[in-house]
Amino acid sequence: MNTQNNNQTLSTQAQVALELPEGLVVKNQVIYIDKMLEATRIRLSTKLNANKSNVDLCAKYMGLIKSYAALLIQTSGNLDHIKVYASAILKRDSTLRIKALCDMWLKDATYRLKPGTIQSYTYALRYLKETLGEELVVVLGKKVVARDFFQAYVQIKPYSFQKQLKILLTSMFDLAVNLDYVEYNPFSALEVKSKPNPATFRNKSFTLDEIQTIMSATIEDSTLKTYLEIAIGTGARPSEIIALSFESFDHKAKSVNIRQGFSGEVLTTPKTKSSQRVVYIDQRLSDYIFELSCNGQKTGFIFKTNLKPKSLVRALGESFKTLLKKLEIKTNTLYGLRHTYTTLNLQNGADVKIISQMLGHANTSMTMDVYNKVQSEGFKPSFLKQEPSLFEYKGVNDE
């Protein structure tokens, strides 16, 4: 009797020392699975000695059992899904989870991709970890499961984010195939079918009258005003504009040197040689930037803010939409100003070759493909070599 009591005491001490998770108990120095099914106690011996490594092993596989139980409940008893899960478990003894594959992809990507490109996938990686991080790669590597996930978690997102998730998942599972975690990539054949809603997505050129209305308005937000001045006068991309410094502008030459831009939160050089360029500006914009430099700090970034680059662009975009609503102009995006720069210049007779160079396009066909609504015949000499500028407007608030 004393021996039995000593064993029970030892068993209790072992449970405390090993910090057993729920569902595991130690009896006679052996690990047992102990669960209640309705009013019936089920206790199964693992035949493993009670030590930390064996407890961790049992806890790990109990976690897998719970994970698959949850997955089977989600399938509502669909036999095809149950077969997929079962075959995934039996065919490959792999416990690699999606969150671990995300980390492996990120490590592999550092050797292949630019920092800015990797940074652009930060939110998508976080989304995958939060929604599917605990799932096994071998399970998601099945077509039927991948398709269901894609419909449930990807196609509910905005179009651009859907495309990014598709690219990321395809790249991740290409890596999983190469490392022999799965036999094939189920995401390579899936398609992003959603399209942008034209009612909420404009991204087109403003008319000259609209531009004159915008720039003649009283704009209390000095950051937005400066952004609009530069965007309309250079046609640069938002990521390039917020990366400009006062040193980028040459007042005497009336030009701006574009050599860098933000990709996510990372300041990088443009991906193509043509994107690194000198853009010629009119006297008015040159004077505007010169006055800014005289009234404040003469060096460093023009847009000084505590916001991160991506948040700054988003904030500028929202302020711009608010301004357009106030002026009763159809909603548009910041990128629409880049289209405006090109369209109005081409309509005014600017040389398409010069415009292409100012935009940083690799060739003129790219420019005309994007702006195919602009007539391409009978161009006059480029206004870029003339004064006054096309964008002459009266009553501009320079305060």
Protein backbone atom coordinates (compact mmCIF):
# COMPACT_ATOMS: atom_id res chain seq x y z
CA MET A 1 0.00 0.00 0.00
CA ASN A 2 2.84 2.32 0.88
CA THR A 3 4.50 1.47 -2.44
CA GLN A 4 1.32 2.37 -4.33
CA ASN A 5 1.03 5.69 -2.47
CA ASN A 6 4.69 6.46 -3.20
CA ASN A 7 4.12 5.73 -6.91
CA GLN A 8 1.08 7.99 -6.94
CA THR A 9 3.06 10.74 -5.19
CA LEU A 10 5.92 10.33 -7.64
CA SER A 11 3.46 10.41 -10.52
CA THR A 12 1.94 13.65 -9.27
CA GLN A 13 5.36 15.23 -8.77
CA ALA A 14 6.36 14.19 -12.31
CA GLN A 15 3.24 15.85 -13.75
CA VAL A 16 4.04 19.10 -11.98
CA ALA A 17 7.72 19.04 -12.94
CA LEU A 18 7.00 18.24 -16.59
CA GLU A 19 4.19 20.82 -16.92
CA LEU A 20 1.92 18.43 -18.81
CA PRO A 21 -0.52 19.98 -21.27
CA GLU A 22 -4.22 19.28 -20.98
CA GLY A 23 -5.05 15.70 -21.99
CA LEU A 24 -1.79 14.11 -20.83
CA VAL A 25 -1.14 12.44 -17.47
CA VAL A 26 1.70 10.44 -15.99
CA LYS A 27 1.08 7.14 -14.23
CA ASN A 28 3.85 4.85 -13.05
CA GLN A 29 6.34 6.99 -14.96
CA VAL A 30 4.49 6.37 -18.25
CA ILE A 31 2.70 9.04 -20.30
CA TYR A 32 -1.02 8.48 -20.84
CA ILE A 33 -3.57 10.27 -22.99
CA ASP A 34 -6.48 11.06 -20.71
CA LYS A 35 -9.72 12.47 -22.16
CA MET A 36 -13.42 12.50 -21.32
CA LEU A 37 -15.86 11.53 -24.06
CA GLU A 38 -19.26 12.63 -22.77
CA ALA A 39 -19.45 10.70 -19.43
CA THR A 40 -16.79 8.14 -20.29
CA ARG A 41 -13.13 8.49 -19.40
CA ILE A 42 -10.71 7.32 -22.08
CA ARG A 43 -7.14 6.67 -20.98
CA LEU A 44 -4.61 5.30 -23.45
CA SER A 45 -0.99 4.44 -22.72
CA THR A 46 1.63 5.88 -25.07
CA LYS A 47 4.17 3.39 -23.61
CA LEU A 48 6.62 6.30 -23.44
CA ASN A 49 8.65 7.10 -20.36
CA ALA A 50 7.76 10.31 -18.59
CA ASN A 51 10.45 12.80 -19.61
CA LYS A 52 10.37 16.23 -21.23
CA SER A 53 11.25 15.15 -24.78
CA ASN A 54 8.52 12.48 -24.80
CA VAL A 55 5.98 14.90 -23.34
CA ASP A 56 6.84 17.44 -26.06
CA LEU A 57 6.46 14.72 -28.69
CA CYS A 58 3.02 13.71 -27.37
CA ALA A 59 1.90 17.32 -27.14
CA LYS A 60 3.01 17.91 -30.72
CA TYR A 61 0.99 15.02 -32.11
CA MET A 62 -2.01 15.87 -29.97
CA GLY A 63 -1.87 19.29 -31.57
CA LEU A 64 -1.89 17.68 -35.00
CA ILE A 65 -4.88 15.55 -34.06
CA LYS A 66 -6.78 18.64 -32.88
CA SER A 67 -5.81 20.50 -36.05
CA TYR A 68 -7.14 17.77 -38.32
CA ALA A 69 -10.25 17.38 -36.19
CA ALA A 70 -10.97 21.07 -36.74
CA LEU A 71 -10.34 20.71 -40.47
CA LEU A 72 -12.71 17.74 -40.73
CA ILE A 73 -15.41 19.71 -38.90
CA GLN A 74 -14.94 22.56 -41.36
CA THR A 75 -15.49 20.18 -44.30
CA SER A 76 -18.92 19.26 -42.88
CA GLY A 77 -18.23 15.61 -43.49
CA ASN A 78 -17.32 16.05 -47.18
CA LEU A 79 -15.81 12.68 -48.08
CA ASP A 80 -13.52 14.06 -50.79
CA HIS A 81 -11.96 16.49 -48.34
CA ILE A 82 -11.56 13.82 -45.67
CA LYS A 83 -9.73 11.61 -48.18
CA VAL A 84 -7.42 14.48 -49.09
CA TYR A 85 -6.52 15.17 -45.47
CA ALA A 86 -6.04 11.49 -44.69
CA SER A 87 -3.81 10.88 -47.70
CA ALA A 88 -1.75 13.96 -46.85
CA ILE A 89 -1.12 12.58 -43.37
CA LEU A 90 -0.29 9.07 -44.52
CA LYS A 91 1.74 9.91 -47.61
CA ARG A 92 4.22 12.37 -46.12
CA ASP A 93 5.40 12.42 -42.57
CA SER A 94 5.86 16.18 -42.57
CA THR A 95 4.97 18.57 -39.79
CA LEU A 96 6.08 21.69 -41.69
CA ARG A 97 3.47 24.40 -41.25
CA ILE A 98 2.63 27.37 -43.46
CA LYS A 99 4.13 29.86 -41.01
CA ALA A 100 7.45 27.99 -41.20
CA LEU A 101 7.26 27.89 -45.02
CA CYS A 102 6.72 31.68 -44.98
CA ASP A 103 9.94 32.08 -42.99
CA MET A 104 11.82 29.70 -45.31
CA TRP A 105 10.59 31.63 -48.36
CA LEU A 106 11.64 34.94 -46.80
CA LYS A 107 15.13 33.60 -46.10
CA ASP A 108 15.44 32.21 -49.63
CA ALA A 109 14.10 35.45 -51.15
CA THR A 110 16.87 37.53 -49.55
CA TYR A 111 19.30 35.89 -51.98
CA ARG A 112 17.12 36.40 -55.05
CA LEU A 113 15.09 39.59 -54.67
CA LYS A 114 15.76 43.25 -53.95
CA PRO A 115 15.01 44.47 -50.42
CA GLY A 116 12.23 46.67 -51.70
CA THR A 117 10.52 43.76 -53.45
CA ILE A 118 10.73 41.64 -50.32
CA GLN A 119 9.37 44.53 -48.24
CA SER A 120 6.34 44.77 -50.53
CA TYR A 121 5.32 41.25 -49.49
CA THR A 122 5.41 42.01 -45.75
CA TYR A 123 1.66 42.42 -45.34
CA ALA A 124 0.86 39.39 -47.52
CA LEU A 125 3.20 37.21 -45.46
CA ARG A 126 1.64 38.43 -42.24
CA TYR A 127 -1.84 37.74 -43.63
CA LEU A 128 -0.90 34.16 -44.55
CA LYS A 129 0.59 33.53 -41.12
CA GLU A 130 -2.48 34.90 -39.34
CA THR A 131 -5.06 33.06 -41.43
CA LEU A 132 -3.29 29.80 -42.24
CA GLY A 133 -0.08 29.73 -40.24
CA GLU A 134 -0.86 26.56 -38.29
CA GLU A 135 -1.94 24.49 -41.30
CA LEU A 136 0.36 21.81 -42.68
CA VAL A 137 2.04 22.41 -46.02
CA VAL A 138 1.24 18.85 -47.19
CA VAL A 139 -2.47 19.53 -46.64
CA LEU A 140 -2.58 22.91 -48.39
CA GLY A 141 -0.51 21.32 -51.14
CA LYS A 142 -3.60 19.45 -52.33
CA LYS A 143 -5.57 21.01 -55.16
CA VAL A 144 -8.99 20.81 -53.54
CA VAL A 145 -7.75 22.37 -50.29
CA ALA A 146 -5.75 25.08 -52.08
CA ARG A 147 -8.77 25.97 -54.20
CA ASP A 148 -11.06 26.24 -51.17
CA PHE A 149 -8.52 28.40 -49.32
CA PHE A 150 -8.11 30.62 -52.36
CA GLN A 151 -11.86 31.19 -52.57
CA ALA A 152 -12.30 31.71 -48.82
CA TYR A 153 -9.30 33.88 -48.01
CA VAL A 154 -7.92 35.36 -51.24
CA GLN A 155 -10.85 36.25 -53.48
CA ILE A 156 -12.48 38.32 -50.76
CA LYS A 157 -9.53 40.73 -50.87
CA PRO A 158 -8.99 43.73 -53.19
CA TYR A 159 -7.87 42.88 -56.70
CA SER A 160 -4.26 44.05 -56.32
CA PHE A 161 -3.84 42.14 -53.05
CA GLN A 162 -5.29 39.02 -54.67
CA LYS A 163 -2.63 39.20 -57.35
CA GLN A 164 0.10 39.66 -54.77
CA LEU A 165 -1.11 36.69 -52.70
CA LYS A 166 -1.29 34.54 -55.83
CA ILE A 167 2.31 35.40 -56.76
CA LEU A 168 3.51 34.82 -53.20
CA LEU A 169 1.73 31.48 -52.75
CA THR A 170 2.96 30.25 -56.12
CA SER A 171 6.54 31.19 -55.24
CA MET A 172 6.27 29.63 -51.77
CA PHE A 173 4.97 26.32 -53.07
CA ASP A 174 7.57 26.26 -55.84
CA LEU A 175 10.05 26.27 -52.96
CA ALA A 176 8.08 23.52 -51.18
CA VAL A 177 8.23 21.39 -54.33
CA ASN A 178 11.97 21.91 -54.69
CA LEU A 179 12.46 20.88 -51.06
CA ASP A 180 10.24 17.81 -51.58
CA TYR A 181 7.56 18.78 -49.07
CA VAL A 182 4.88 18.49 -51.77
CA GLU A 183 4.80 16.85 -55.19
CA TYR A 184 3.39 19.75 -57.19
CA ASN A 185 2.33 23.36 -56.86
CA PRO A 186 -1.49 23.66 -56.61
CA PHE A 187 -1.44 27.47 -56.81
CA SER A 188 0.24 27.76 -60.19
CA ALA A 189 -3.01 26.85 -61.98
CA LEU A 190 -5.32 29.05 -59.90
CA GLU A 191 -6.42 32.34 -61.43
CA VAL A 192 -7.36 35.71 -59.99
CA LYS A 193 -10.71 36.33 -61.66
CA SER A 194 -11.93 39.44 -59.89
CA LYS A 195 -11.61 42.76 -61.68
CA PRO A 196 -11.40 46.29 -60.32
CA ASN A 197 -14.73 48.02 -59.85
CA PRO A 198 -14.84 50.84 -62.42
CA ALA A 199 -17.23 52.75 -60.18
CA THR A 200 -14.56 53.14 -57.49
CA PHE A 201 -11.39 52.90 -59.54
CA ARG A 202 -10.69 55.74 -61.96
CA ASN A 203 -6.96 56.33 -62.25
CA LYS A 204 -7.45 58.34 -65.44
CA SER A 205 -6.31 61.69 -66.75
CA PHE A 206 -7.85 64.94 -65.53
CA THR A 207 -8.93 67.52 -68.07
CA LEU A 208 -7.08 70.84 -68.28
CA ASP A 209 -10.10 72.59 -66.77
CA GLU A 210 -10.07 70.18 -63.82
CA ILE A 211 -6.35 70.72 -63.25
CA GLN A 212 -6.82 74.48 -63.30
CA THR A 213 -9.68 74.16 -60.80
CA ILE A 214 -7.60 71.96 -58.49
CA MET A 215 -4.52 74.18 -58.53
CA SER A 216 -6.55 77.40 -58.21
CA ALA A 217 -8.28 76.12 -55.09
CA THR A 218 -7.25 77.09 -51.58
CA ILE A 219 -5.31 74.06 -50.33
CA GLU A 220 -4.71 74.36 -46.61
CA ASP A 221 -2.69 71.13 -46.46
CA SER A 222 0.80 72.35 -47.45
CA THR A 223 2.09 68.79 -47.88
CA LEU A 224 -0.68 67.97 -50.35
CA LYS A 225 -0.17 71.27 -52.20
CA THR A 226 3.55 70.57 -52.64
CA TYR A 227 2.83 67.03 -53.79
CA LEU A 228 0.32 68.23 -56.41
CA GLU A 229 2.72 70.88 -57.70
CA ILE A 230 5.47 68.30 -58.21
CA ALA A 231 3.20 65.55 -59.56
CA ILE A 232 1.59 67.77 -62.18
CA GLY A 233 4.91 69.35 -63.14
CA THR A 234 6.97 66.15 -63.43
CA GLY A 235 4.63 63.20 -64.07
CA ALA A 236 6.65 61.19 -61.55
CA ARG A 237 5.31 58.19 -59.66
CA PRO A 238 4.08 58.68 -56.06
CA SER A 239 6.89 56.49 -54.72
CA GLU A 240 9.43 58.67 -56.57
CA ILE A 241 7.94 61.98 -55.50
CA ILE A 242 8.01 61.30 -51.76
CA ALA A 243 11.66 60.22 -52.12
CA LEU A 244 12.73 63.55 -53.66
CA SER A 245 15.13 65.82 -51.79
CA PHE A 246 15.90 69.49 -52.29
CA GLU A 247 19.22 68.38 -53.76
CA SER A 248 17.26 66.56 -56.51
CA PHE A 249 16.23 69.92 -58.01
CA ASP A 250 18.50 72.11 -60.12
CA HIS A 251 17.02 75.61 -60.14
CA LYS A 252 19.32 76.96 -62.83
CA ALA A 253 18.85 74.02 -65.20
CA LYS A 254 15.14 73.80 -64.32
CA SER A 255 15.31 70.05 -63.84
CA VAL A 256 14.80 67.32 -61.26
CA ASN A 257 17.05 64.30 -60.97
CA ILE A 258 15.08 61.11 -60.20
CA ARG A 259 17.41 58.39 -58.96
CA GLN A 260 15.49 56.65 -56.19
CA GLY A 261 12.06 55.74 -54.89
CA PHE A 262 10.36 53.96 -52.03
CA SER A 263 9.36 50.31 -52.39
CA GLY A 264 7.25 49.70 -49.33
CA GLU A 265 9.32 51.23 -46.53
CA VAL A 266 12.68 50.74 -48.27
CA LEU A 267 14.44 53.45 -50.28
CA THR A 268 15.81 51.79 -53.42
CA THR A 269 17.08 52.61 -56.89
CA PRO A 270 14.62 52.08 -59.76
CA LYS A 271 14.45 48.59 -61.25
CA THR A 272 15.13 49.76 -64.82
CA LYS A 273 17.81 52.07 -66.23
CA SER A 274 15.20 54.20 -67.98
CA SER A 275 13.54 54.98 -64.63
CA GLN A 276 16.71 56.78 -63.53
CA ARG A 277 16.25 60.05 -65.37
CA VAL A 278 16.37 63.84 -65.46
CA VAL A 279 12.96 65.49 -65.81
CA TYR A 280 12.80 69.05 -67.13
CA ILE A 281 10.34 71.34 -65.41
CA ASP A 282 8.88 74.77 -66.09
CA GLN A 283 9.98 78.00 -64.44
CA ARG A 284 6.97 78.10 -62.14
CA LEU A 285 7.68 74.74 -60.48
CA SER A 286 11.39 75.50 -60.31
CA ASP A 287 10.64 78.77 -58.49
CA TYR A 288 8.15 77.03 -56.19
CA ILE A 289 10.71 74.46 -55.00
CA PHE A 290 13.39 77.14 -54.71
CA GLU A 291 11.13 79.22 -52.44
CA LEU A 292 10.45 76.18 -50.28
CA SER A 293 14.16 75.62 -49.83
CA CYS A 294 14.69 79.29 -48.94
CA ASN A 295 11.88 79.32 -46.37
CA GLY A 296 12.97 76.17 -44.60
CA GLN A 297 15.59 73.45 -44.52
CA LYS A 298 17.61 73.50 -47.73
CA THR A 299 18.70 69.86 -47.63
CA GLY A 300 17.09 66.49 -47.05
CA PHE A 301 13.73 65.10 -48.10
CA ILE A 302 11.13 67.59 -49.27
CA PHE A 303 8.37 65.63 -47.52
CA LYS A 304 9.39 65.53 -43.87
CA THR A 305 6.90 63.56 -41.80
CA ASN A 306 6.71 60.99 -39.04
CA LEU A 307 4.59 58.78 -41.29
CA LYS A 308 6.14 55.80 -43.02
CA PRO A 309 6.35 56.16 -46.84
CA LYS A 310 3.41 53.86 -47.55
CA SER A 311 1.27 55.59 -44.93
CA LEU A 312 2.25 59.00 -46.33
CA VAL A 313 1.09 58.07 -49.84
CA ARG A 314 -2.14 56.68 -48.41
CA ALA A 315 -2.76 59.84 -46.39
CA LEU A 316 -2.04 62.06 -49.40
CA GLY A 317 -4.43 59.96 -51.48
CA GLU A 318 -7.23 60.36 -48.94
CA SER A 319 -6.63 64.12 -48.67
CA PHE A 320 -6.67 64.36 -52.46
CA LYS A 321 -10.01 62.54 -52.69
CA THR A 322 -11.44 64.86 -50.05
CA LEU A 323 -10.29 67.87 -52.09
CA LEU A 324 -11.83 66.46 -55.29
CA LYS A 325 -15.14 65.88 -53.52
CA LYS A 326 -15.10 69.45 -52.23
CA LEU A 327 -14.43 70.75 -55.77
CA GLU A 328 -17.11 68.42 -57.21
CA ILE A 329 -14.60 66.66 -59.46
CA LYS A 330 -14.98 62.94 -60.11
CA THR A 331 -12.85 60.84 -57.77
CA ASN A 332 -9.39 59.88 -58.96
CA THR A 333 -6.07 58.62 -57.64
CA LEU A 334 -2.66 60.22 -57.17
CA TYR A 335 -1.45 58.10 -60.06
CA GLY A 336 -4.04 59.83 -62.23
CA LEU A 337 -1.81 62.92 -62.08
CA ARG A 338 0.92 60.98 -63.90
CA HIS A 339 -1.56 60.16 -66.66
CA THR A 340 -2.61 63.81 -66.70
CA TYR A 341 0.96 65.02 -67.21
CA THR A 342 1.33 62.78 -70.25
CA THR A 343 -2.09 63.20 -71.80
CA LEU A 344 -2.19 66.99 -71.62
CA ASN A 345 1.36 67.32 -72.90
CA LEU A 346 0.70 65.00 -75.86
CA GLN A 347 -2.54 66.79 -76.66
CA ASN A 348 -0.62 70.07 -76.61
CA GLY A 349 1.82 68.74 -79.19
CA ALA A 350 4.72 67.48 -77.08
CA ASP A 351 7.14 65.01 -78.64
CA VAL A 352 6.20 61.49 -77.53
CA LYS A 353 9.89 60.54 -77.29
CA ILE A 354 10.55 63.32 -74.79
CA ILE A 355 7.45 62.46 -72.77
CA SER A 356 8.51 58.81 -72.71
CA GLN A 357 11.91 59.81 -71.33
CA MET A 358 10.34 62.11 -68.74
CA LEU A 359 8.11 59.26 -67.53
CA GLY A 360 10.96 56.78 -67.37
CA HIS A 361 9.36 54.41 -69.87
CA ALA A 362 11.64 51.96 -71.65
CA ASN A 363 10.24 52.91 -75.08
CA THR A 364 7.63 55.11 -76.75
CA SER A 365 5.32 52.19 -77.52
CA MET A 366 4.83 51.74 -73.79
CA THR A 367 3.82 55.38 -73.51
CA MET A 368 1.35 55.19 -76.39
CA ASP A 369 -0.08 51.86 -75.19
CA VAL A 370 -1.00 53.46 -71.89
CA TYR A 371 -2.25 56.69 -73.41
CA ASN A 372 -3.80 55.35 -76.62
CA LYS A 373 -6.69 57.80 -76.40
CA VAL A 374 -4.37 60.66 -77.26
CA GLN A 375 -4.04 61.37 -80.98
CA SER A 376 -0.54 60.45 -82.12
CA GLU A 377 -0.43 62.39 -85.38
CA GLY A 378 0.58 65.96 -86.20
CA PHE A 379 2.65 66.70 -83.10
CA LYS A 380 3.91 70.23 -82.75
CA PRO A 381 7.35 71.05 -81.33
CA SER A 382 7.61 70.00 -77.69
CA PHE A 383 6.17 72.49 -75.26
CA LEU A 384 8.83 71.37 -72.80
CA LYS A 385 11.26 73.65 -74.60
CA GLN A 386 8.85 76.55 -74.55
CA GLU A 387 7.56 79.07 -72.05
CA PRO A 388 5.03 79.63 -70.69
CA SER A 389 4.12 76.17 -69.45
CA LEU A 390 0.99 74.33 -70.48
CA PHE A 391 -0.02 74.39 -66.84
CA GLU A 392 -0.58 78.11 -66.57
CA TYR A 393 -3.37 78.93 -64.17
CA LYS A 394 -4.50 82.00 -62.36
CA GLY A 395 -5.36 82.61 -58.77
CA VAL A 396 -3.09 79.92 -57.35
CA ASN A 397 -2.78 80.04 -53.56
CA ASP A 398 0.96 80.19 -52.88
CA GLU A 399 0.65 80.88 -49.20
